[in-house]
PDB file of N, CA and C in Angstrom:
ATOM      1  N   MET A   1     103.467  89.109  89.434  1.00  0.00           N
ATOM      2  CA  MET A   1     102.785  89.733  88.337  1.00  0.00           C
ATOM      3  C   MET A   1     103.486  91.045  88.014  1.00  0.00           C
ATOM      4  N   ARG A   2     103.533  91.370  86.728  1.00  0.00           N
ATOM      5  CA  ARG A   2     104.145  92.623  86.283  1.00  0.00           C
ATOM      6  C   ARG A   2     103.083  93.658  85.969  1.00  0.00           C
ATOM      7  N   TYR A   3     103.475  94.925  86.184  1.00  0.00           N
ATOM      8  CA  TYR A   3     102.588  96.061  85.956  1.00  0.00           C
ATOM      9  C   TYR A   3     103.312  97.122  85.148  1.00  0.00           C
ATOM     10  N   LYS A   4     102.538  97.879  84.396  1.00  0.00           N
ATOM     11  CA  LYS A   4     103.061  98.997  83.622  1.00  0.00           C
ATOM     12  C   LYS A   4     102.432 100.277  84.156  1.00  0.00           C
ATOM     13  N   CYS A   5     103.245 101.297  84.386  1.00  0.00           N
ATOM     14  CA  CYS A   5     102.754 102.581  84.870  1.00  0.00           C
ATOM     15  C   CYS A   5     102.032 103.306  83.735  1.00  0.00           C
ATOM     16  N   ILE A   6     100.820 103.784  84.018  1.00  0.00           N
ATOM     17  CA  ILE A   6     100.032 104.482  83.000  1.00  0.00           C
ATOM     18  C   ILE A   6      99.815 105.958  83.339  1.00  0.00           C
ATOM     19  N   LYS A   7     100.287 106.382  84.527  1.00  0.00           N
ATOM     20  CA  LYS A   7     100.089 107.763  84.964  1.00  0.00           C
ATOM     21  C   LYS A   7     101.264 108.123  85.873  1.00  0.00           C
ATOM     22  N   GLU A   8     101.979 109.204  85.534  1.00  0.00           N
ATOM     23  CA  GLU A   8     103.156 109.582  86.313  1.00  0.00           C
ATOM     24  C   GLU A   8     102.766 109.930  87.742  1.00  0.00           C
ATOM     25  N   MET A   9     103.650 109.572  88.666  1.00  0.00           N
ATOM     26  CA  MET A   9     103.405 109.856  90.075  1.00  0.00           C
ATOM     27  C   MET A   9     104.710 110.210  90.771  1.00  0.00           C
ATOM     28  N   CYS A  10     104.629 110.978  91.857  1.00  0.00           N
ATOM     29  CA  CYS A  10     105.771 111.332  92.692  1.00  0.00           C
ATOM     30  C   CYS A  10     105.537 110.773  94.092  1.00  0.00           C
ATOM     31  N   LEU A  11     106.576 110.168  94.639  1.00  0.00           N
ATOM     32  CA  LEU A  11     106.496 109.573  95.976  1.00  0.00           C
ATOM     33  C   LEU A  11     107.729 109.964  96.783  1.00  0.00           C
ATOM     34  N   PRO A  12     107.609 110.053  98.107  1.00  0.00           N
ATOM     35  CA  PRO A  12     108.793 110.291  98.937  1.00  0.00           C
ATOM     36  C   PRO A  12     109.777 109.127  98.774  1.00  0.00           C
ATOM     37  N   LYS A  13     111.067 109.440  98.720  1.00  0.00           N
ATOM     38  CA  LYS A  13     112.089 108.398  98.628  1.00  0.00           C
ATOM     39  C   LYS A  13     112.337 107.800 100.006  1.00  0.00           C
ATOM     40  N   CYS A  14     112.634 106.493 100.005  1.00  0.00           N
ATOM     41  CA  CYS A  14     112.982 105.772 101.230  1.00  0.00           C
ATOM     42  C   CYS A  14     114.318 105.076 101.026  1.00  0.00           C
ATOM     43  N   ASP A  15     115.042 104.883 102.127  1.00  0.00           N
ATOM     44  CA  ASP A  15     116.284 104.134 102.032  1.00  0.00           C
ATOM     45  C   ASP A  15     115.986 102.631 102.040  1.00  0.00           C
ATOM     46  N   ASP A  16     117.026 101.811 101.982  1.00  0.00           N
ATOM     47  CA  ASP A  16     116.837 100.358 101.913  1.00  0.00           C
ATOM     48  C   ASP A  16     116.245  99.765 103.188  1.00  0.00           C
ATOM     49  N   ASN A  17     116.205 100.556 104.260  1.00  0.00           N
ATOM     50  CA  ASN A  17     115.614 100.096 105.512  1.00  0.00           C
ATOM     51  C   ASN A  17     114.170 100.557 105.670  1.00  0.00           C
ATOM     52  N   GLY A  18     113.654 101.271 104.663  1.00  0.00           N
ATOM     53  CA  GLY A  18     112.269 101.713 104.702  1.00  0.00           C
ATOM     54  C   GLY A  18     112.044 103.057 105.359  1.00  0.00           C
ATOM     55  N   PHE A  19     113.117 103.772 105.700  1.00  0.00           N
ATOM     56  CA  PHE A  19     112.970 105.080 106.315  1.00  0.00           C
ATOM     57  C   PHE A  19     112.918 106.162 105.253  1.00  0.00           C
ATOM     58  N   GLU A  20     111.944 107.085 105.402  1.00  0.00           N
ATOM     59  CA  GLU A  20     111.793 108.168 104.439  1.00  0.00           C
ATOM     60  C   GLU A  20     113.018 109.079 104.483  1.00  0.00           C
ATOM     61  N   ILE A  21     113.510 109.463 103.302  1.00  0.00           N
ATOM     62  CA  ILE A  21     114.637 110.385 103.187  1.00  0.00           C
ATOM     63  C   ILE A  21     114.061 111.796 103.126  1.00  0.00           C
ATOM     64  N   PRO A  22     114.373 112.639 104.110  1.00  0.00           N
ATOM     65  CA  PRO A  22     113.779 113.981 104.165  1.00  0.00           C
ATOM     66  C   PRO A  22     114.045 114.791 102.889  1.00  0.00           C
ATOM     67  N   ASN A  23     113.014 115.457 102.433  1.00  0.00           N
ATOM     68  CA  ASN A  23     113.087 116.383 101.294  1.00  0.00           C
ATOM     69  C   ASN A  23     113.505 115.736  99.978  1.00  0.00           C
ATOM     70  N   GLU A  24     113.304 114.437  99.836  1.00  0.00           N
ATOM     71  CA  GLU A  24     113.633 113.772  98.571  1.00  0.00           C
ATOM     72  C   GLU A  24     112.411 113.026  98.047  1.00  0.00           C
ATOM     73  N   CYS A  25     112.121 113.271  96.773  1.00  0.00           N
ATOM     74  CA  CYS A  25     111.009 112.595  96.110  1.00  0.00           C
ATOM     75  C   CYS A  25     111.527 111.933  94.843  1.00  0.00           C
ATOM     76  N   GLY A  26     110.859 110.889  94.453  1.00  0.00           N
ATOM     77  CA  GLY A  26     111.191 110.211  93.209  1.00  0.00           C
ATOM     78  C   GLY A  26     109.947 110.109  92.350  1.00  0.00           C
ATOM     79  N   SER A  27     110.145 110.088  91.052  1.00  0.00           N
ATOM     80  CA  SER A  27     108.980 109.982  90.173  1.00  0.00           C
ATOM     81  C   SER A  27     108.945 108.611  89.517  1.00  0.00           C
ATOM     82  N   VAL A  28     107.750 108.159  89.302  1.00  0.00           N
ATOM     83  CA  VAL A  28     107.500 106.917  88.582  1.00  0.00           C
ATOM     84  C   VAL A  28     107.016 107.338  87.200  1.00  0.00           C
ATOM     85  N   THR A  29     107.749 106.943  86.167  1.00  0.00           N
ATOM     86  CA  THR A  29     107.444 107.420  84.826  1.00  0.00           C
ATOM     87  C   THR A  29     106.475 106.496  84.095  1.00  0.00           C
ATOM     88  N   VAL A  30     105.686 107.108  83.240  1.00  0.00           N
ATOM     89  CA  VAL A  30     104.744 106.370  82.407  1.00  0.00           C
ATOM     90  C   VAL A  30     105.529 105.396  81.532  1.00  0.00           C
ATOM     91  N   GLY A  31     105.053 104.168  81.452  1.00  0.00           N
ATOM     92  CA  GLY A  31     105.690 103.146  80.641  1.00  0.00           C
ATOM     93  C   GLY A  31     106.684 102.282  81.388  1.00  0.00           C
ATOM     94  N   SER A  32     107.061 102.684  82.608  1.00  0.00           N
ATOM     95  CA  SER A  32     108.007 101.866  83.369  1.00  0.00           C
ATOM     96  C   SER A  32     107.332 100.562  83.793  1.00  0.00           C
ATOM     97  N   ILE A  33     108.155  99.507  83.883  1.00  0.00           N
ATOM     98  CA  ILE A  33     107.658  98.164  84.201  1.00  0.00           C
ATOM     99  C   ILE A  33     108.053  97.815  85.634  1.00  0.00           C
ATOM    100  N   TRP A  34     107.083  97.285  86.373  1.00  0.00           N
ATOM    101  CA  TRP A  34     107.266  96.957  87.780  1.00  0.00           C
ATOM    102  C   TRP A  34     106.779  95.544  88.042  1.00  0.00           C
ATOM    103  N   GLU A  35     107.449  94.841  88.939  1.00  0.00           N
ATOM    104  CA  GLU A  35     107.042  93.490  89.321  1.00  0.00           C
ATOM    105  C   GLU A  35     106.600  93.496  90.779  1.00  0.00           C
ATOM    106  N   ARG A  36     105.421  92.917  91.020  1.00  0.00           N
ATOM    107  CA  ARG A  36     104.883  92.878  92.383  1.00  0.00           C
ATOM    108  C   ARG A  36     105.591  91.802  93.187  1.00  0.00           C
ATOM    109  N   ASP A  37     105.927  92.156  94.428  1.00  0.00           N
ATOM    110  CA  ASP A  37     106.583  91.247  95.365  1.00  0.00           C
ATOM    111  C   ASP A  37     105.731  91.192  96.622  1.00  0.00           C
ATOM    112  N   ASP A  38     104.903  90.167  96.752  1.00  0.00           N
ATOM    113  CA  ASP A  38     103.995  90.054  97.891  1.00  0.00           C
ATOM    114  C   ASP A  38     104.685  89.594  99.171  1.00  0.00           C
ATOM    115  N   GLU A  39     105.959  89.229  99.085  1.00  0.00           N
ATOM    116  CA  GLU A  39     106.671  88.758 100.271  1.00  0.00           C
ATOM    117  C   GLU A  39     107.420  89.876 100.990  1.00  0.00           C
ATOM    118  N   THR A  40     107.545  91.046 100.354  1.00  0.00           N
ATOM    119  CA  THR A  40     108.284  92.154 100.947  1.00  0.00           C
ATOM    120  C   THR A  40     107.320  93.250 101.378  1.00  0.00           C
ATOM    121  N   ASP A  41     107.527  93.761 102.595  1.00  0.00           N
ATOM    122  CA  ASP A  41     106.737  94.864 103.123  1.00  0.00           C
ATOM    123  C   ASP A  41     107.661  95.686 104.016  1.00  0.00           C
ATOM    124  N   LEU A  42     108.193  96.790 103.458  1.00  0.00           N
ATOM    125  CA  LEU A  42     109.137  97.600 104.213  1.00  0.00           C
ATOM    126  C   LEU A  42     108.490  98.779 104.920  1.00  0.00           C
ATOM    127  N   ILE A  43     107.448  99.367 104.321  1.00  0.00           N
ATOM    128  CA  ILE A  43     106.867 100.568 104.913  1.00  0.00           C
ATOM    129  C   ILE A  43     105.355 100.459 105.102  1.00  0.00           C
ATOM    130  N   GLY A  44     104.802  99.267 104.946  1.00  0.00           N
ATOM    131  CA  GLY A  44     103.396  99.063 105.239  1.00  0.00           C
ATOM    132  C   GLY A  44     102.439  99.305 104.096  1.00  0.00           C
ATOM    133  N   GLY A  45     102.928  99.345 102.870  1.00  0.00           N
ATOM    134  CA  GLY A  45     102.038  99.514 101.722  1.00  0.00           C
ATOM    135  C   GLY A  45     101.322  98.223 101.378  1.00  0.00           C
ATOM    136  N   ASP A  46     100.201  98.340 100.678  1.00  0.00           N
ATOM    137  CA  ASP A  46      99.458  97.156 100.247  1.00  0.00           C
ATOM    138  C   ASP A  46     100.197  96.391  99.156  1.00  0.00           C
ATOM    139  N   ALA A  47     100.925  97.130  98.298  1.00  0.00           N
ATOM    140  CA  ALA A  47     101.623  96.505  97.164  1.00  0.00           C
ATOM    141  C   ALA A  47     103.072  96.975  97.134  1.00  0.00           C
ATOM    142  N   HIS A  48     104.010  96.031  97.156  1.00  0.00           N
ATOM    143  CA  HIS A  48     105.433  96.317  97.006  1.00  0.00           C
ATOM    144  C   HIS A  48     105.783  96.011  95.557  1.00  0.00           C
ATOM    145  N   LEU A  49     106.331  97.006  94.850  1.00  0.00           N
ATOM    146  CA  LEU A  49     106.689  96.846  93.440  1.00  0.00           C
ATOM    147  C   LEU A  49     108.166  97.140  93.252  1.00  0.00           C
ATOM    148  N   ASP A  50     108.844  96.286  92.490  1.00  0.00           N
ATOM    149  CA  ASP A  50     110.239  96.490  92.121  1.00  0.00           C
ATOM    150  C   ASP A  50     110.292  96.887  90.654  1.00  0.00           C
ATOM    151  N   CYS A  51     111.040  97.953  90.353  1.00  0.00           N
ATOM    152  CA  CYS A  51     111.176  98.398  88.965  1.00  0.00           C
ATOM    153  C   CYS A  51     112.253  97.570  88.281  1.00  0.00           C
ATOM    154  N   LEU A  52     111.970  97.136  87.058  1.00  0.00           N
ATOM    155  CA  LEU A  52     112.889  96.286  86.315  1.00  0.00           C
ATOM    156  C   LEU A  52     113.419  97.000  85.080  1.00  0.00           C
ATOM    157  N   ASP A  53     114.719  96.873  84.845  1.00  0.00           N
ATOM    158  CA  ASP A  53     115.314  97.384  83.618  1.00  0.00           C
ATOM    159  C   ASP A  53     114.832  96.497  82.477  1.00  0.00           C
ATOM    160  N   PRO A  54     114.239  97.069  81.428  1.00  0.00           N
ATOM    161  CA  PRO A  54     113.683  96.240  80.355  1.00  0.00           C
ATOM    162  C   PRO A  54     114.724  95.456  79.562  1.00  0.00           C
ATOM    163  N   LEU A  55     115.992  95.857  79.627  1.00  0.00           N
ATOM    164  CA  LEU A  55     117.026  95.158  78.864  1.00  0.00           C
ATOM    165  C   LEU A  55     117.533  93.901  79.555  1.00  0.00           C
ATOM    166  N   ASP A  56     117.701  93.976  80.881  1.00  0.00           N
ATOM    167  CA  ASP A  56     118.282  92.816  81.560  1.00  0.00           C
ATOM    168  C   ASP A  56     117.561  92.426  82.851  1.00  0.00           C
ATOM    169  N   ASN A  57     116.394  93.012  83.113  1.00  0.00           N
ATOM    170  CA  ASN A  57     115.589  92.706  84.294  1.00  0.00           C
ATOM    171  C   ASN A  57     116.283  92.999  85.620  1.00  0.00           C
ATOM    172  N   THR A  58     117.303  93.877  85.644  1.00  0.00           N
ATOM    173  CA  THR A  58     117.921  94.232  86.911  1.00  0.00           C
ATOM    174  C   THR A  58     117.015  95.186  87.676  1.00  0.00           C
ATOM    175  N   ASP A  59     117.099  95.126  88.985  1.00  0.00           N
ATOM    176  CA  ASP A  59     116.261  95.924  89.872  1.00  0.00           C
ATOM    177  C   ASP A  59     116.736  97.372  89.851  1.00  0.00           C
ATOM    178  N   LEU A  60     115.814  98.297  89.569  1.00  0.00           N
ATOM    179  CA  LEU A  60     116.137  99.727  89.531  1.00  0.00           C
ATOM    180  C   LEU A  60     115.583 100.492  90.728  1.00  0.00           C
ATOM    181  N   GLY A  61     114.919  99.812  91.632  1.00  0.00           N
ATOM    182  CA  GLY A  61     114.346 100.466  92.803  1.00  0.00           C
ATOM    183  C   GLY A  61     113.011  99.851  93.162  1.00  0.00           C
ATOM    184  N   TRP A  62     112.398 100.355  94.218  1.00  0.00           N
ATOM    185  CA  TRP A  62     111.132  99.802  94.675  1.00  0.00           C
ATOM    186  C   TRP A  62     110.223 100.913  95.188  1.00  0.00           C
ATOM    187  N   ILE A  63     108.930 100.601  95.231  1.00  0.00           N
ATOM    188  CA  ILE A  63     107.934 101.475  95.837  1.00  0.00           C
ATOM    189  C   ILE A  63     106.937 100.597  96.583  1.00  0.00           C
ATOM    190  N   GLU A  64     106.268 101.191  97.547  1.00  0.00           N
ATOM    191  CA  GLU A  64     105.128 100.537  98.192  1.00  0.00           C
ATOM    192  C   GLU A  64     103.975 101.519  98.172  1.00  0.00           C
ATOM    193  N   ILE A  65     102.840 101.040  97.666  1.00  0.00           N
ATOM    194  CA  ILE A  65     101.674 101.907  97.493  1.00  0.00           C
ATOM    195  C   ILE A  65     100.415 101.181  97.941  1.00  0.00           C
ATOM    196  N   SER A  66      99.345 101.937  98.049  1.00  0.00           N
ATOM    197  CA  SER A  66      98.057 101.364  98.420  1.00  0.00           C
ATOM    198  C   SER A  66      97.451 100.612  97.234  1.00  0.00           C
ATOM    199  N   SER A  67      96.483  99.779  97.505  1.00  0.00           N
ATOM    200  CA  SER A  67      95.761  99.068  96.441  1.00  0.00           C
ATOM    201  C   SER A  67      95.073 100.045  95.498  1.00  0.00           C
ATOM    202  N   GLU A  68      94.555 101.142  96.068  1.00  0.00           N
ATOM    203  CA  GLU A  68      93.886 102.147  95.252  1.00  0.00           C
ATOM    204  C   GLU A  68      94.853 102.795  94.264  1.00  0.00           C
ATOM    205  N   MET A  69      96.064 103.116  94.724  1.00  0.00           N
ATOM    206  CA  MET A  69      97.064 103.709  93.831  1.00  0.00           C
ATOM    207  C   MET A  69      97.506 102.715  92.762  1.00  0.00           C
ATOM    208  N   LEU A  70      97.616 101.450  93.142  1.00  0.00           N
ATOM    209  CA  LEU A  70      97.979 100.424  92.168  1.00  0.00           C
ATOM    210  C   LEU A  70      96.959 100.392  91.032  1.00  0.00           C
ATOM    211  N   SER A  71      95.685 100.447  91.366  1.00  0.00           N
ATOM    212  CA  SER A  71      94.626 100.426  90.357  1.00  0.00           C
ATOM    213  C   SER A  71      94.597 101.688  89.507  1.00  0.00           C
ATOM    214  N   GLU A  72      94.920 102.824  90.119  1.00  0.00           N
ATOM    215  CA  GLU A  72      94.851 104.110  89.405  1.00  0.00           C
ATOM    216  C   GLU A  72      96.051 104.346  88.506  1.00  0.00           C
ATOM    217  N   TYR A  73      97.229 103.941  88.929  1.00  0.00           N
ATOM    218  CA  TYR A  73      98.466 104.290  88.238  1.00  0.00           C
ATOM    219  C   TYR A  73      99.087 103.170  87.417  1.00  0.00           C
ATOM    220  N   PHE A  74      98.610 101.946  87.562  1.00  0.00           N
ATOM    221  CA  PHE A  74      99.226 100.806  86.897  1.00  0.00           C
ATOM    222  C   PHE A  74      98.184  99.888  86.251  1.00  0.00           C
ATOM    223  N   VAL A  75      98.618  99.182  85.208  1.00  0.00           N
ATOM    224  CA  VAL A  75      97.806  98.118  84.609  1.00  0.00           C
ATOM    225  C   VAL A  75      98.649  96.861  84.591  1.00  0.00           C
ATOM    226  N   PRO A  76      98.029  95.706  84.831  1.00  0.00           N
ATOM    227  CA  PRO A  76      98.775  94.444  84.765  1.00  0.00           C
ATOM    228  C   PRO A  76      99.170  94.130  83.331  1.00  0.00           C
ATOM    229  N   ILE A  77     100.341  93.518  83.177  1.00  0.00           N
ATOM    230  CA  ILE A  77     100.798  93.081  81.852  1.00  0.00           C
ATOM    231  C   ILE A  77     101.246  91.630  81.941  1.00  0.00           C
ATOM    232  N   GLU A  78     101.298  90.975  80.819  1.00  0.00           N
ATOM    233  CA  GLU A  78     101.749  89.575  80.778  1.00  0.00           C
ATOM    234  C   GLU A  78     103.263  89.517  80.777  1.00  0.00           C
ATOM    235  N   GLY A  79     103.783  88.390  81.282  1.00  0.00           N
ATOM    236  CA  GLY A  79     105.218  88.149  81.209  1.00  0.00           C
ATOM    237  C   GLY A  79     105.943  88.358  82.450  1.00  0.00           C
TER     238      GLY A  79
END
């Protein structure tokens, strides 16, 4: 399922192995499109989301957040 960010948020950055990168944060921008991946769990979040480039659907990064944050910051979209 795809989601659209409706409220900007900042999260600690993690490397590809799920380890937090000290003193680095990334922001999730309003309007960005994310696809939920229920098969991946790198840091123990309830929802793993991959950001997709709207032009070619390439992966731009990932986040893992709680179910509560998913409901507060994102809305489901079709497609």
